Amino acid sequence: MSGDPLAALLIEEHRRLDELFGRFLAAAFAGEEGAAAEAIEVFDEELRRHTAMEEERIYPASPTEKLAPPPSEDEEARRFRVLRLEHVQVRELSGMIRRLLAEARDIESARRLAGNLARRWDEHTAREEKEVLERGPQPRGR
């Protein structure tokens, strides 16, 4: 792993988020609706803070950049765009689960979405750590 302190911090935060999501899963699959709602709320807030920091410090998009690929895109720009898109996807899933529990009190639907979120989060963090953080973040435009 890179000796970069930012990379080490972000990887540590990934493990912390894994732990927080695990608390949600344990509560949800035990049928503990209140505990599951609290756990996903904490996970969702920490996920949003974490991804915002990554997007600000490692993957900043220019004001004209979108999530759709531009006509010409180098490999690093593509990698960063895809990682930002994955952030959007995991935040959306986390937010949906949070709303299902807070507003509809629908633990069954929350459990059904949990597998999708778990898979996307695991794939994202593995890719991010391997392709970016282990080599040391190289912030764009800095």
Protein backbone atom coordinates (compact mmCIF):
# COMPACT_ATOMS: atom_id res chain seq x y z
CA MET A 1 0.00 0.00 0.00
CA SER A 2 1.05 3.56 -0.59
CA GLY A 3 2.65 5.44 2.28
CA ASP A 4 0.34 8.35 1.50
CA PRO A 5 -1.53 9.44 4.65
CA LEU A 6 -4.66 10.40 2.67
CA ALA A 7 -4.80 6.95 1.07
CA ALA A 8 -4.36 5.28 4.46
CA LEU A 9 -7.15 7.43 5.93
CA LEU A 10 -9.56 6.62 3.09
CA ILE A 11 -8.86 2.89 3.29
CA GLU A 12 -9.39 3.04 7.06
CA GLU A 13 -12.70 4.82 6.43
CA HIS A 14 -13.72 2.07 3.98
CA ARG A 15 -13.25 -0.50 6.76
CA ARG A 16 -15.24 1.69 9.17
CA LEU A 17 -18.05 1.99 6.62
CA ASP A 18 -17.96 -1.80 6.17
CA GLU A 19 -18.45 -2.13 9.92
CA LEU A 20 -21.33 0.37 9.95
CA PHE A 21 -23.04 -1.39 7.06
CA GLY A 22 -22.55 -4.71 8.84
CA ARG A 23 -24.43 -3.33 11.84
CA PHE A 24 -27.31 -2.42 9.55
CA LEU A 25 -27.30 -5.89 7.96
CA ALA A 26 -27.25 -7.65 11.34
CA ALA A 27 -30.18 -5.59 12.61
CA ALA A 28 -32.17 -5.83 9.37
CA PHE A 29 -31.84 -9.58 9.07
CA ALA A 30 -32.67 -10.01 12.77
CA GLY A 31 -35.90 -8.10 12.09
CA GLU A 32 -34.89 -5.24 14.38
CA GLU A 33 -36.49 -2.40 12.43
CA GLY A 34 -35.54 0.44 14.81
CA ALA A 35 -31.91 -0.65 15.11
CA ALA A 36 -31.71 -1.18 11.34
CA ALA A 37 -33.10 2.32 10.71
CA GLU A 38 -30.57 3.87 13.11
CA ALA A 39 -27.69 1.89 11.62
CA ILE A 40 -28.49 2.78 8.00
CA GLU A 41 -28.89 6.43 8.98
CA VAL A 42 -25.37 6.47 10.46
CA PHE A 43 -23.96 4.54 7.49
CA ASP A 44 -25.67 6.83 4.97
CA GLU A 45 -24.41 10.01 6.63
CA GLU A 46 -20.85 8.69 6.88
CA LEU A 47 -20.98 7.39 3.29
CA ARG A 48 -22.04 10.83 2.03
CA ARG A 49 -19.31 12.58 4.02
CA HIS A 50 -16.68 10.08 2.85
CA THR A 51 -17.58 10.17 -0.84
CA ALA A 52 -17.79 13.99 -0.79
CA MET A 53 -14.26 14.13 0.63
CA GLU A 54 -12.97 11.73 -2.04
CA GLU A 55 -14.67 13.73 -4.78
CA GLU A 56 -13.23 16.96 -3.45
CA ARG A 57 -9.69 15.75 -2.77
CA ILE A 58 -9.05 12.98 -5.30
CA TYR A 59 -11.70 12.95 -8.04
CA PRO A 60 -12.74 16.57 -8.54
CA ALA A 61 -14.81 17.13 -11.64
CA SER A 62 -14.53 20.35 -13.58
CA PRO A 63 -17.76 22.38 -13.73
CA THR A 64 -18.34 21.14 -17.28
CA GLU A 65 -17.67 17.44 -16.55
CA LYS A 66 -20.65 15.14 -16.46
CA LEU A 67 -21.04 11.48 -15.56
CA ALA A 68 -21.54 10.57 -19.23
CA PRO A 69 -18.26 9.99 -21.10
CA PRO A 70 -16.97 12.87 -23.21
CA PRO A 71 -15.93 12.25 -26.84
CA SER A 72 -12.26 11.99 -25.88
CA GLU A 73 -11.32 10.75 -22.45
CA ASP A 74 -7.98 9.47 -21.20
CA GLU A 75 -7.74 6.41 -18.96
CA GLU A 76 -7.36 8.36 -15.72
CA ALA A 77 -10.30 10.65 -16.50
CA ARG A 78 -12.41 7.57 -17.31
CA ARG A 79 -11.38 5.86 -14.06
CA PHE A 80 -12.25 8.93 -11.99
CA ARG A 81 -15.57 9.45 -13.80
CA VAL A 82 -16.54 5.81 -13.20
CA LEU A 83 -15.60 6.02 -9.52
CA ARG A 84 -17.71 9.20 -9.15
CA LEU A 85 -20.60 7.41 -10.87
CA GLU A 86 -20.25 4.50 -8.46
CA HIS A 87 -20.42 7.00 -5.59
CA VAL A 88 -23.75 8.25 -6.95
CA GLN A 89 -25.04 4.67 -7.19
CA VAL A 90 -24.11 3.64 -3.65
CA ARG A 91 -25.44 6.89 -2.19
CA GLU A 92 -28.73 6.40 -4.03
CA LEU A 93 -29.12 2.83 -2.77
CA SER A 94 -28.19 3.81 0.77
CA GLY A 95 -30.65 6.70 0.67
CA MET A 96 -33.41 4.45 -0.66
CA ILE A 97 -32.87 1.97 2.18
CA ARG A 98 -32.83 4.80 4.69
CA ARG A 99 -36.12 6.20 3.35
CA LEU A 100 -37.75 2.76 3.25
CA LEU A 101 -37.08 2.32 6.95
CA ALA A 102 -37.67 5.90 8.12
CA GLU A 103 -40.76 6.69 6.05
CA ALA A 104 -42.39 3.39 5.07
CA ARG A 105 -41.03 1.18 7.89
CA ASP A 106 -40.55 -1.47 5.18
CA ILE A 107 -37.79 -3.71 6.49
CA GLU A 108 -38.43 -6.41 3.88
CA SER A 109 -37.80 -4.04 0.96
CA ALA A 110 -34.76 -2.64 2.78
CA ARG A 111 -33.35 -6.16 3.10
CA ARG A 112 -33.93 -6.81 -0.61
CA LEU A 113 -31.95 -3.67 -1.55
CA ALA A 114 -29.19 -4.45 0.96
CA GLY A 115 -27.62 -7.14 -1.22
CA ASN A 116 -27.38 -4.77 -4.17
CA LEU A 117 -25.77 -2.08 -2.01
CA ALA A 118 -23.36 -4.58 -0.43
CA ARG A 119 -22.23 -5.86 -3.84
CA ARG A 120 -21.77 -2.38 -5.32
CA TRP A 121 -19.97 -1.06 -2.23
CA ASP A 122 -17.60 -4.05 -2.09
CA GLU A 123 -16.80 -3.84 -5.80
CA HIS A 124 -16.30 -0.07 -5.62
CA THR A 125 -13.96 -0.09 -2.63
CA ALA A 126 -11.93 -2.98 -4.05
CA ARG A 127 -11.51 -1.15 -7.36
CA GLU A 128 -10.80 2.20 -5.73
CA GLU A 129 -8.20 0.77 -3.37
CA LYS A 130 -6.46 -1.23 -6.10
CA GLU A 131 -6.56 1.31 -8.93
CA VAL A 132 -6.12 4.56 -7.00
CA LEU A 133 -5.36 4.40 -3.30
CA GLU A 134 -2.71 1.67 -3.24
CA ARG A 135 -0.62 3.61 -5.76
CA GLY A 136 -1.21 6.82 -3.84
CA PRO A 137 -3.89 9.33 -4.78
CA GLN A 138 -2.87 11.63 -7.61
CA PRO A 139 -5.42 14.44 -7.28
CA ARG A 140 -6.41 15.95 -10.61
CA GLY A 141 -5.87 19.58 -11.36
CA ARG A 142 -3.57 20.18 -8.41
